[in-house]
C-alpha atoms as a PDB file:
ATOM      1  CA  UNK A   1     112.222   0.820 105.256  1.00  0.00           C
ATOM      2  CA  UNK A   2     111.411   3.241 102.478  1.00  0.00           C
ATOM      3  CA  UNK A   3     113.230   3.606  99.235  1.00  0.00           C
ATOM      4  CA  UNK A   4     112.884   5.762  96.054  1.00  0.00           C
ATOM      5  CA  UNK A   5     114.654   4.051  93.187  1.00  0.00           C
ATOM      6  CA  UNK A   6     115.143   6.533  90.142  1.00  0.00           C
ATOM      7  CA  UNK A   7     111.367   7.792  91.003  1.00  0.00           C
ATOM      8  CA  UNK A   8     109.801  10.225  88.365  1.00  0.00           C
ATOM      9  CA  UNK A   9     106.289  11.465  88.240  1.00  0.00           C
ATOM     10  CA  UNK A  10     104.832  13.376  85.274  1.00  0.00           C
ATOM     11  CA  UNK A  11     101.676  15.291  84.557  1.00  0.00           C
ATOM     12  CA  UNK A  12     101.606  15.401  80.619  1.00  0.00           C
ATOM     13  CA  UNK A  13     104.827  16.806  79.747  1.00  0.00           C
ATOM     14  CA  UNK A  14     105.896  17.939  83.121  1.00  0.00           C
ATOM     15  CA  UNK A  15     107.768  16.198  85.494  1.00  0.00           C
ATOM     16  CA  UNK A  16     106.618  17.231  89.070  1.00  0.00           C
ATOM     17  CA  UNK A  17     109.504  14.600  90.692  1.00  0.00           C
ATOM     18  CA  UNK A  18     112.534  13.910  88.502  1.00  0.00           C
ATOM     19  CA  UNK A  19     114.637  10.734  88.976  1.00  0.00           C
ATOM     20  CA  UNK A  20     114.418  10.716  92.753  1.00  0.00           C
ATOM     21  CA  UNK A  21     116.434   8.306  94.452  1.00  0.00           C
ATOM     22  CA  UNK A  22     116.440   8.290  98.389  1.00  0.00           C
ATOM     23  CA  UNK A  23     116.588   5.724 100.880  1.00  0.00           C
ATOM     24  CA  UNK A  24     115.017   6.579 104.500  1.00  0.00           C
ATOM     25  CA  UNK A  25     115.966   3.957 107.370  1.00  0.00           C
ATOM     26  CA  UNK A  26     113.925   2.388 110.006  1.00  0.00           C
ATOM     27  CA  UNK A  27     113.459   4.757 112.923  1.00  0.00           C
ATOM     28  CA  UNK A  28     114.746   7.820 110.749  1.00  0.00           C
ATOM     29  CA  UNK A  29     112.785  10.970 111.323  1.00  0.00           C
ATOM     30  CA  UNK A  30     113.456  12.363 107.302  1.00  0.00           C
ATOM     31  CA  UNK A  31     112.090  15.977 106.325  1.00  0.00           C
ATOM     32  CA  UNK A  32     111.688  16.479 102.950  1.00  0.00           C
ATOM     33  CA  UNK A  33     111.787  20.356 102.526  1.00  0.00           C
ATOM     34  CA  UNK A  34     111.733  22.633  99.349  1.00  0.00           C
ATOM     35  CA  UNK A  35     109.930  25.786  97.942  1.00  0.00           C
ATOM     36  CA  UNK A  36     106.167  25.848  96.737  1.00  0.00           C
ATOM     37  CA  UNK A  37     106.049  23.322  93.774  1.00  0.00           C
ATOM     38  CA  UNK A  38     109.354  21.175  94.550  1.00  0.00           C
ATOM     39  CA  UNK A  39     107.774  17.867  94.269  1.00  0.00           C
ATOM     40  CA  UNK A  40     107.653  17.307  98.001  1.00  0.00           C
ATOM     41  CA  UNK A  41     104.174  16.067  98.865  1.00  0.00           C
ATOM     42  CA  UNK A  42     104.092  14.408  95.495  1.00  0.00           C
ATOM     43  CA  UNK A  43     106.872  12.190  96.851  1.00  0.00           C
ATOM     44  CA  UNK A  44     105.022  11.495 100.069  1.00  0.00           C
ATOM     45  CA  UNK A  45     102.124  10.440  98.338  1.00  0.00           C
ATOM     46  CA  UNK A  46     104.018   7.812  96.390  1.00  0.00           C
ATOM     47  CA  UNK A  47     104.868   6.298  99.567  1.00  0.00           C
ATOM     48  CA  UNK A  48     100.851   5.078 100.233  1.00  0.00           C
ATOM     49  CA  UNK A  49     100.001   4.922  96.608  1.00  0.00           C
ATOM     50  CA  UNK A  50      97.994   8.078  96.605  1.00  0.00           C
ATOM     51  CA  UNK A  51     100.116   8.922  93.576  1.00  0.00           C
ATOM     52  CA  UNK A  52     101.805   6.468  91.498  1.00  0.00           C
ATOM     53  CA  UNK A  53     105.368   6.934  89.875  1.00  0.00           C
ATOM     54  CA  UNK A  54     105.373   7.300  86.372  1.00  0.00           C
ATOM     55  CA  UNK A  55     109.079   5.626  86.352  1.00  0.00           C
ATOM     56  CA  UNK A  56     111.083   3.988  89.100  1.00  0.00           C
ATOM     57  CA  UNK A  57     110.104   2.235  91.997  1.00  0.00           C
ATOM     58  CA  UNK A  58     109.291   3.077  95.709  1.00  0.00           C
ATOM     59  CA  UNK A  59     109.558   0.434  98.081  1.00  0.00           C
ATOM     60  CA  UNK A  60     108.655  -0.132 101.723  1.00  0.00           C
ATOM     61  CA  UNK A  61     110.097  -2.967 103.534  1.00  0.00           C
ATOM     62  CA  UNK A  62     111.719  -4.271 100.269  1.00  0.00           C
ATOM     63  CA  UNK A  63     108.222  -4.560  98.824  1.00  0.00           C
ATOM     64  CA  UNK A  64     107.384  -2.433  95.672  1.00  0.00           C
ATOM     65  CA  UNK A  65     104.191  -0.355  96.770  1.00  0.00           C
ATOM     66  CA  UNK A  66     102.515  -1.104  93.055  1.00  0.00           C
ATOM     67  CA  UNK A  67     102.401  -4.838  94.190  1.00  0.00           C
ATOM     68  CA  UNK A  68     100.542  -4.124  97.335  1.00  0.00           C
ATOM     69  CA  UNK A  69      96.632  -3.715  97.451  1.00  0.00           C
ATOM     70  CA  UNK A  70      96.142   0.006  98.268  1.00  0.00           C
ATOM     71  CA  UNK A  71      93.567  -0.228 100.874  1.00  0.00           C
ATOM     72  CA  UNK A  72      96.046  -2.580 102.848  1.00  0.00           C
ATOM     73  CA  UNK A  73      98.926  -0.492 102.365  1.00  0.00           C
ATOM     74  CA  UNK A  74      97.287   2.557 103.812  1.00  0.00           C
ATOM     75  CA  UNK A  75      96.453   0.653 106.849  1.00  0.00           C
ATOM     76  CA  UNK A  76     100.074  -0.151 107.740  1.00  0.00           C
ATOM     77  CA  UNK A  77     100.972   3.732 107.147  1.00  0.00           C
ATOM     78  CA  UNK A  78      99.990   6.342 109.378  1.00  0.00           C
ATOM     79  CA  UNK A  79      98.998   9.762 107.509  1.00  0.00           C
ATOM     80  CA  UNK A  80      98.607  13.170 108.733  1.00  0.00           C
ATOM     81  CA  UNK A  81      97.530  16.298 106.555  1.00  0.00           C
ATOM     82  CA  UNK A  82      97.476  20.200 107.136  1.00  0.00           C
ATOM     83  CA  UNK A  83      93.637  20.004 106.616  1.00  0.00           C
ATOM     84  CA  UNK A  84      93.396  17.214 109.353  1.00  0.00           C
ATOM     85  CA  UNK A  85      90.276  15.329 107.663  1.00  0.00           C
ATOM     86  CA  UNK A  86      88.595  14.316 110.462  1.00  0.00           C
ATOM     87  CA  UNK A  87      84.962  12.926 110.037  1.00  0.00           C
ATOM     88  CA  UNK A  88      82.657  15.618 111.380  1.00  0.00           C
ATOM     89  CA  UNK A  89      79.649  13.615 112.423  1.00  0.00           C
ATOM     90  CA  UNK A  90      82.361  10.904 114.249  1.00  0.00           C
ATOM     91  CA  UNK A  91      83.243  11.511 117.906  1.00  0.00           C
ATOM     92  CA  UNK A  92      87.055  11.694 118.793  1.00  0.00           C
ATOM     93  CA  UNK A  93      86.933   8.400 119.919  1.00  0.00           C
ATOM     94  CA  UNK A  94      85.428   6.783 116.841  1.00  0.00           C
ATOM     95  CA  UNK A  95      87.888   9.156 114.504  1.00  0.00           C
ATOM     96  CA  UNK A  96      90.815   7.804 116.147  1.00  0.00           C
ATOM     97  CA  UNK A  97      89.531   4.192 115.765  1.00  0.00           C
ATOM     98  CA  UNK A  98      89.064   4.242 112.555  1.00  0.00           C
ATOM     99  CA  UNK A  99      91.667   2.290 111.162  1.00  0.00           C
ATOM    100  CA  UNK A 100      91.741  -0.209 114.107  1.00  0.00           C
ATOM    101  CA  UNK A 101      88.115  -0.757 113.674  1.00  0.00           C
ATOM    102  CA  UNK A 102      88.820  -1.788 109.915  1.00  0.00           C
ATOM    103  CA  UNK A 103      91.499  -4.436 111.067  1.00  0.00           C
ATOM    104  CA  UNK A 104      89.293  -6.136 113.753  1.00  0.00           C
ATOM    105  CA  UNK A 105      90.277  -4.596 116.956  1.00  0.00           C
ATOM    106  CA  UNK A 106      87.354  -4.534 119.558  1.00  0.00           C
ATOM    107  CA  UNK A 107      85.698  -1.709 120.992  1.00  0.00           C
ATOM    108  CA  UNK A 108      86.923  -1.794 124.226  1.00  0.00           C
ATOM    109  CA  UNK A 109      90.528  -1.976 122.907  1.00  0.00           C
ATOM    110  CA  UNK A 110      90.071   0.873 120.447  1.00  0.00           C
ATOM    111  CA  UNK A 111      88.513   3.014 123.256  1.00  0.00           C
ATOM    112  CA  UNK A 112      91.900   2.271 125.701  1.00  0.00           C
ATOM    113  CA  UNK A 113      94.130   3.075 122.642  1.00  0.00           C
ATOM    114  CA  UNK A 114      92.237   6.412 121.884  1.00  0.00           C
ATOM    115  CA  UNK A 115      92.734   7.330 125.470  1.00  0.00           C
ATOM    116  CA  UNK A 116      96.322   6.533 125.721  1.00  0.00           C
ATOM    117  CA  UNK A 117      97.543   8.712 122.777  1.00  0.00           C
ATOM    118  CA  UNK A 118      95.117  11.552 123.920  1.00  0.00           C
ATOM    119  CA  UNK A 119      96.964  11.617 127.261  1.00  0.00           C
ATOM    120  CA  UNK A 120     100.443  10.893 125.174  1.00  0.00           C
ATOM    121  CA  UNK A 121      99.357  14.509 123.339  1.00  0.00           C
ATOM    122  CA  UNK A 122      97.953  16.438 126.261  1.00  0.00           C
ATOM    123  CA  UNK A 123      94.202  15.889 125.702  1.00  0.00           C
ATOM    124  CA  UNK A 124      92.328  14.832 128.942  1.00  0.00           C
ATOM    125  CA  UNK A 125      90.131  11.663 127.676  1.00  0.00           C
ATOM    126  CA  UNK A 126      87.376  11.957 129.610  1.00  0.00           C
ATOM    127  CA  UNK A 127      87.119  15.602 128.268  1.00  0.00           C
ATOM    128  CA  UNK A 128      87.621  14.477 124.916  1.00  0.00           C
ATOM    129  CA  UNK A 129      87.047  11.134 123.785  1.00  0.00           C
ATOM    130  CA  UNK A 130      83.050  11.835 123.341  1.00  0.00           C
ATOM    131  CA  UNK A 131      83.388  15.548 121.411  1.00  0.00           C
ATOM    132  CA  UNK A 132      82.870  15.980 117.764  1.00  0.00           C
ATOM    133  CA  UNK A 133      85.460  17.820 115.435  1.00  0.00           C
ATOM    134  CA  UNK A 134      83.604  21.018 115.382  1.00  0.00           C
ATOM    135  CA  UNK A 135      83.695  21.434 119.555  1.00  0.00           C
ATOM    136  CA  UNK A 136      87.740  21.201 119.098  1.00  0.00           C
ATOM    137  CA  UNK A 137      90.124  24.038 118.367  1.00  0.00           C
ATOM    138  CA  UNK A 138      92.455  23.765 115.432  1.00  0.00           C
ATOM    139  CA  UNK A 139      95.384  22.773 117.669  1.00  0.00           C
ATOM    140  CA  UNK A 140      93.222  19.954 119.115  1.00  0.00           C
ATOM    141  CA  UNK A 141      91.696  18.755 116.025  1.00  0.00           C
ATOM    142  CA  UNK A 142      95.361  18.209 114.543  1.00  0.00           C
ATOM    143  CA  UNK A 143      96.209  16.712 117.687  1.00  0.00           C
ATOM    144  CA  UNK A 144      93.090  14.314 117.320  1.00  0.00           C
ATOM    145  CA  UNK A 145      94.496  13.600 113.540  1.00  0.00           C
ATOM    146  CA  UNK A 146      97.899  12.694 114.960  1.00  0.00           C
ATOM    147  CA  UNK A 147      96.196  10.498 117.444  1.00  0.00           C
ATOM    148  CA  UNK A 148      94.392   8.751 114.417  1.00  0.00           C
ATOM    149  CA  UNK A 149      97.573   8.193 112.550  1.00  0.00           C
ATOM    150  CA  UNK A 150      99.301   6.464 115.403  1.00  0.00           C
ATOM    151  CA  UNK A 151      96.314   4.273 116.607  1.00  0.00           C
ATOM    152  CA  UNK A 152      96.919   1.207 114.606  1.00  0.00           C
ATOM    153  CA  UNK A 153     100.635   1.470 115.918  1.00  0.00           C
ATOM    154  CA  UNK A 154     101.826   1.363 112.534  1.00  0.00           C
ATOM    155  CA  UNK A 155     105.846   1.562 112.116  1.00  0.00           C
ATOM    156  CA  UNK A 156     105.562   4.175 109.677  1.00  0.00           C
ATOM    157  CA  UNK A 157     104.134   7.658 109.743  1.00  0.00           C
ATOM    158  CA  UNK A 158     103.764  10.183 106.642  1.00  0.00           C
ATOM    159  CA  UNK A 159     103.222  14.095 107.826  1.00  0.00           C
ATOM    160  CA  UNK A 160     102.390  16.461 104.803  1.00  0.00           C
ATOM    161  CA  UNK A 161     103.012  20.008 106.328  1.00  0.00           C
ATOM    162  CA  UNK A 162     100.567  19.286 109.313  1.00  0.00           C
ATOM    163  CA  UNK A 163     101.513  22.305 111.410  1.00  0.00           C
ATOM    164  CA  UNK A 164     101.140  24.654 108.645  1.00  0.00           C
ATOM    165  CA  UNK A 165      97.970  26.393 109.758  1.00  0.00           C
ATOM    166  CA  UNK A 166      98.557  26.526 113.605  1.00  0.00           C
ATOM    167  CA  UNK A 167      99.557  29.469 115.845  1.00  0.00           C
ATOM    168  CA  UNK A 168     103.276  29.651 116.507  1.00  0.00           C
ATOM    169  CA  UNK A 169     102.526  28.633 120.406  1.00  0.00           C
ATOM    170  CA  UNK A 170     100.412  25.658 119.429  1.00  0.00           C
ATOM    171  CA  UNK A 171     103.062  24.589 116.630  1.00  0.00           C
ATOM    172  CA  UNK A 172     106.164  24.449 118.939  1.00  0.00           C
ATOM    173  CA  UNK A 173     104.146  22.504 121.433  1.00  0.00           C
ATOM    174  CA  UNK A 174     103.055  19.779 118.674  1.00  0.00           C
ATOM    175  CA  UNK A 175     106.751  19.513 117.341  1.00  0.00           C
ATOM    176  CA  UNK A 176     107.954  18.760 120.548  1.00  0.00           C
ATOM    177  CA  UNK A 177     105.252  16.256 121.303  1.00  0.00           C
ATOM    178  CA  UNK A 178     105.830  14.455 117.666  1.00  0.00           C
ATOM    179  CA  UNK A 179     109.580  14.718 118.117  1.00  0.00           C
ATOM    180  CA  UNK A 180     109.326  13.031 121.656  1.00  0.00           C
ATOM    181  CA  UNK A 181     106.835  10.474 120.082  1.00  0.00           C
ATOM    182  CA  UNK A 182     109.120   9.742 117.575  1.00  0.00           C
ATOM    183  CA  UNK A 183     112.120   9.189 120.048  1.00  0.00           C
ATOM    184  CA  UNK A 184     110.197   7.048 122.193  1.00  0.00           C
ATOM    185  CA  UNK A 185     108.973   4.764 119.710  1.00  0.00           C
ATOM    186  CA  UNK A 186     111.553   4.748 116.896  1.00  0.00           C
ATOM    187  CA  UNK A 187     108.773   5.131 114.106  1.00  0.00           C
ATOM    188  CA  UNK A 188     110.040   5.778 110.808  1.00  0.00           C
ATOM    189  CA  UNK A 189     108.926   9.398 110.020  1.00  0.00           C
ATOM    190  CA  UNK A 190     108.856  11.469 106.688  1.00  0.00           C
ATOM    191  CA  UNK A 191     107.965  14.963 107.179  1.00  0.00           C
ATOM    192  CA  UNK A 192     107.108  17.338 104.507  1.00  0.00           C
ATOM    193  CA  UNK A 193     107.594  21.252 105.544  1.00  0.00           C
ATOM    194  CA  UNK A 194     108.621  24.384 103.643  1.00  0.00           C
ATOM    195  CA  UNK A 195     110.029  25.765 107.117  1.00  0.00           C
ATOM    196  CA  UNK A 196     113.640  25.427 107.577  1.00  0.00           C
ATOM    197  CA  UNK A 197     113.594  26.153 111.280  1.00  0.00           C
ATOM    198  CA  UNK A 198     110.963  23.125 111.562  1.00  0.00           C
ATOM    199  CA  UNK A 199     113.063  20.932 109.371  1.00  0.00           C
ATOM    200  CA  UNK A 200     116.102  21.741 111.440  1.00  0.00           C
ATOM    201  CA  UNK A 201     114.454  21.019 114.405  1.00  0.00           C
ATOM    202  CA  UNK A 202     112.615  17.722 114.007  1.00  0.00           C
ATOM    203  CA  UNK A 203     114.722  16.088 111.363  1.00  0.00           C
ATOM    204  CA  UNK A 204     117.531  13.494 111.856  1.00  0.00           C
ATOM    205  CA  UNK A 205     118.045  13.922 108.104  1.00  0.00           C
ATOM    206  CA  UNK A 206     116.919  16.461 105.539  1.00  0.00           C
ATOM    207  CA  UNK A 207     116.323  16.059 101.919  1.00  0.00           C
ATOM    208  CA  UNK A 208     115.990  19.316 100.129  1.00  0.00           C
ATOM    209  CA  UNK A 209     114.249  19.493  96.799  1.00  0.00           C
ATOM    210  CA  UNK A 210     114.382  21.819  94.054  1.00  0.00           C
ATOM    211  CA  UNK A 211     112.007  22.079  90.923  1.00  0.00           C
ATOM    212  CA  UNK A 212     111.450  17.988  91.390  1.00  0.00           C
ATOM    213  CA  UNK A 213     115.032  17.096  92.251  1.00  0.00           C
ATOM    214  CA  UNK A 214     116.740  15.994  94.873  1.00  0.00           C
ATOM    215  CA  UNK A 215     119.530  18.474  95.779  1.00  0.00           C
ATOM    216  CA  UNK A 216     121.027  17.520  99.013  1.00  0.00           C
ATOM    217  CA  UNK A 217     120.386  14.761 101.851  1.00  0.00           C
ATOM    218  CA  UNK A 218     122.294  15.539 104.973  1.00  0.00           C
ATOM    219  CA  UNK A 219     122.134  15.861 108.659  1.00  0.00           C
ATOM    220  CA  UNK A 220     121.020  19.373 110.076  1.00  0.00           C
ATOM    221  CA  UNK A 221     124.658  19.717 110.862  1.00  0.00           C
ATOM    222  CA  UNK A 222     125.668  18.893 107.399  1.00  0.00           C
ATOM    223  CA  UNK A 223     123.119  20.895 105.805  1.00  0.00           C
ATOM    224  CA  UNK A 224     124.286  23.895 107.833  1.00  0.00           C
ATOM    225  CA  UNK A 225     127.894  23.633 107.646  1.00  0.00           C
ATOM    226  CA  UNK A 226     128.534  22.286 103.877  1.00  0.00           C
ATOM    227  CA  UNK A 227     125.234  23.010 101.871  1.00  0.00           C
ATOM    228  CA  UNK A 228     125.478  21.649  98.431  1.00  0.00           C
ATOM    229  CA  UNK A 229     124.543  24.284  96.417  1.00  0.00           C
ATOM    230  CA  UNK A 230     123.575  27.961  96.582  1.00  0.00           C
ATOM    231  CA  UNK A 231     119.924  27.156  96.468  1.00  0.00           C
ATOM    232  CA  UNK A 232     120.721  25.173  99.636  1.00  0.00           C
ATOM    233  CA  UNK A 233     122.572  28.074 101.333  1.00  0.00           C
ATOM    234  CA  UNK A 234     119.732  30.485 100.478  1.00  0.00           C
ATOM    235  CA  UNK A 235     117.070  27.835 101.720  1.00  0.00           C
ATOM    236  CA  UNK A 236     119.267  27.659 105.066  1.00  0.00           C
ATOM    237  CA  UNK A 237     119.544  31.342 105.572  1.00  0.00           C
ATOM    238  CA  UNK A 238     122.983  33.136 104.977  1.00  0.00           C
ATOM    239  CA  UNK A 239     122.593  35.524 107.674  1.00  0.00           C
ATOM    240  CA  UNK A 240     121.673  33.576 110.811  1.00  0.00           C
ATOM    241  CA  UNK A 241     123.563  30.489 110.227  1.00  0.00           C
ATOM    242  CA  UNK A 242     125.212  31.032 113.555  1.00  0.00           C
ATOM    243  CA  UNK A 243     121.842  31.188 115.303  1.00  0.00           C
ATOM    244  CA  UNK A 244     120.712  28.015 113.699  1.00  0.00           C
ATOM    245  CA  UNK A 245     123.654  25.788 114.527  1.00  0.00           C
ATOM    246  CA  UNK A 246     123.121  27.038 118.339  1.00  0.00           C
ATOM    247  CA  UNK A 247     119.696  25.607 117.709  1.00  0.00           C
ATOM    248  CA  UNK A 248     121.264  21.869 117.093  1.00  0.00           C
ATOM    249  CA  UNK A 249     123.047  21.622 120.659  1.00  0.00           C
ATOM    250  CA  UNK A 250     121.538  21.571 123.886  1.00  0.00           C
ATOM    251  CA  UNK A 251     122.392  23.288 127.094  1.00  0.00           C
ATOM    252  CA  UNK A 252     123.650  20.160 128.731  1.00  0.00           C
ATOM    253  CA  UNK A 253     126.182  20.123 126.151  1.00  0.00           C
ATOM    254  CA  UNK A 254     127.881  23.194 127.313  1.00  0.00           C
ATOM    255  CA  UNK A 255     126.977  22.832 131.015  1.00  0.00           C
ATOM    256  CA  UNK A 256     129.135  23.932 133.690  1.00  0.00           C
ATOM    257  CA  UNK A 257     128.501  21.672 136.522  1.00  0.00           C
ATOM    258  CA  UNK A 258     128.810  23.124 140.091  1.00  0.00           C
ATOM    259  CA  UNK A 259     127.131  26.402 141.393  1.00  0.00           C
ATOM    260  CA  UNK A 260     124.011  27.493 139.363  1.00  0.00           C
ATOM    261  CA  UNK A 261     122.994  31.101 138.571  1.00  0.00           C
ATOM    262  CA  UNK A 262     120.722  33.339 140.183  1.00  0.00           C
ATOM    263  CA  UNK A 263     117.266  33.670 138.453  1.00  0.00           C
ATOM    264  CA  UNK A 264     114.558  31.638 136.644  1.00  0.00           C
ATOM    265  CA  UNK A 265     116.831  28.537 135.517  1.00  0.00           C
ATOM    266  CA  UNK A 266     116.523  26.858 132.211  1.00  0.00           C
ATOM    267  CA  UNK A 267     116.186  23.015 131.304  1.00  0.00           C
ATOM    268  CA  UNK A 268     119.535  21.316 130.471  1.00  0.00           C
ATOM    269  CA  UNK A 269     117.529  19.640 127.287  1.00  0.00           C
ATOM    270  CA  UNK A 270     116.742  23.072 125.874  1.00  0.00           C
ATOM    271  CA  UNK A 271     118.633  24.215 122.919  1.00  0.00           C
ATOM    272  CA  UNK A 272     121.501  26.803 123.055  1.00  0.00           C
ATOM    273  CA  UNK A 273     119.432  28.890 120.612  1.00  0.00           C
ATOM    274  CA  UNK A 274     116.932  29.381 123.639  1.00  0.00           C
ATOM    275  CA  UNK A 275     119.433  29.888 126.319  1.00  0.00           C
ATOM    276  CA  UNK A 276     120.804  33.062 124.005  1.00  0.00           C
ATOM    277  CA  UNK A 277     117.373  34.366 123.485  1.00  0.00           C
ATOM    278  CA  UNK A 278     117.011  34.147 127.406  1.00  0.00           C
ATOM    279  CA  UNK A 279     120.148  35.895 128.047  1.00  0.00           C
ATOM    280  CA  UNK A 280     119.488  38.739 125.693  1.00  0.00           C
ATOM    281  CA  UNK A 281     115.876  39.168 126.692  1.00  0.00           C
ATOM    282  CA  UNK A 282     116.745  38.945 130.419  1.00  0.00           C
ATOM    283  CA  UNK A 283     119.852  41.041 129.932  1.00  0.00           C
ATOM    284  CA  UNK A 284     121.852  38.222 132.045  1.00  0.00           C
ATOM    285  CA  UNK A 285     125.319  36.474 130.786  1.00  0.00           C
ATOM    286  CA  UNK A 286     124.465  33.524 132.777  1.00  0.00           C
ATOM    287  CA  UNK A 287     121.658  31.211 133.311  1.00  0.00           C
ATOM    288  CA  UNK A 288     121.200  28.284 136.234  1.00  0.00           C
ATOM    289  CA  UNK A 289     120.412  25.007 134.781  1.00  0.00           C
ATOM    290  CA  UNK A 290     118.132  22.352 135.976  1.00  0.00           C
ATOM    291  CA  UNK A 291     117.364  18.667 134.888  1.00  0.00           C
ATOM    292  CA  UNK A 292     113.891  17.344 133.909  1.00  0.00           C
ATOM    293  CA  UNK A 293     113.041  17.203 137.601  1.00  0.00           C
ATOM    294  CA  UNK A 294     113.967  20.564 138.181  1.00  0.00           C
ATOM    295  CA  UNK A 295     117.079  19.672 140.223  1.00  0.00           C
ATOM    296  CA  UNK A 296     119.864  22.109 139.956  1.00  0.00           C
ATOM    297  CA  UNK A 297     123.012  21.081 137.486  1.00  0.00           C
ATOM    298  CA  UNK A 298     125.011  24.089 137.290  1.00  0.00           C
ATOM    299  CA  UNK A 299     124.937  27.164 135.129  1.00  0.00           C
ATOM    300  CA  UNK A 300     125.707  28.138 131.411  1.00  0.00           C
ATOM    301  CA  UNK A 301     127.228  31.298 130.549  1.00  0.00           C
ATOM    302  CA  UNK A 302     127.349  33.646 127.294  1.00  0.00           C
ATOM    303  CA  UNK A 303     130.817  32.690 126.870  1.00  0.00           C
ATOM    304  CA  UNK A 304     130.069  29.102 126.758  1.00  0.00           C
ATOM    305  CA  UNK A 305     127.691  29.864 123.525  1.00  0.00           C
ATOM    306  CA  UNK A 306     130.856  31.011 121.644  1.00  0.00           C
ATOM    307  CA  UNK A 307     132.813  27.756 122.133  1.00  0.00           C
ATOM    308  CA  UNK A 308     132.860  25.337 119.032  1.00  0.00           C
END
């Protein structure tokens, strides 16, 4: 779906991205991570021709992006940035419908799509469609920005540190929502972050960059258990590796079917890391487990978290 082939981007004598080769498969959630100045945002912007490579090729669906008219290319690719960039004098509905309007959708279809996406992102359409950006919280504006990127139902979604300015509760909620949207739609997502916990939570594959170079591209489990260098090992975090590993598996994977434990249960889809946190905070050595509809499934014990 997306291919970087020996891509370099220079500004003067300085290479911001150097000899990058990376393929992102259709339907993959690829996270690009690195410290400040690693070249990750520059790499992302070369996909939709906001930045042109100095050397090498970037292909989308087999086509060199430099051969496509930039405006047409960008209409086929959703794009979300940290600063959101909503048009201040347009309503939420019109902001969401910006690209569909350009490609000729009717007003009725645009409004219906905007309402559908607001519902998906936990914003009531009747309350938000006709509001203006200044009437929204930062978290609500970011939700509208995501809805705008999804509006024309493009197959590719680029996200450049979209949740960096949000409070932890809003950030976690939006992470969960974008992960669910990607799982349901099978869109190809390329997501830039400097937060390893965010990368591990969202990515099906994580590409680590350091000073413009790709140093490892691997699944979250591979990254944690077989880091390619000391830089990757330090980025992952040496001291809390075990806790991060617990974050990759769900309660359902260690469930003891049968009699549930007393007290407030935990969802089967929750991570083992969350289960451990609950046990420590509540002073318990087991939790009842329920499915998505609240039906009891059994229990998870503290000892189950230590099983490999």
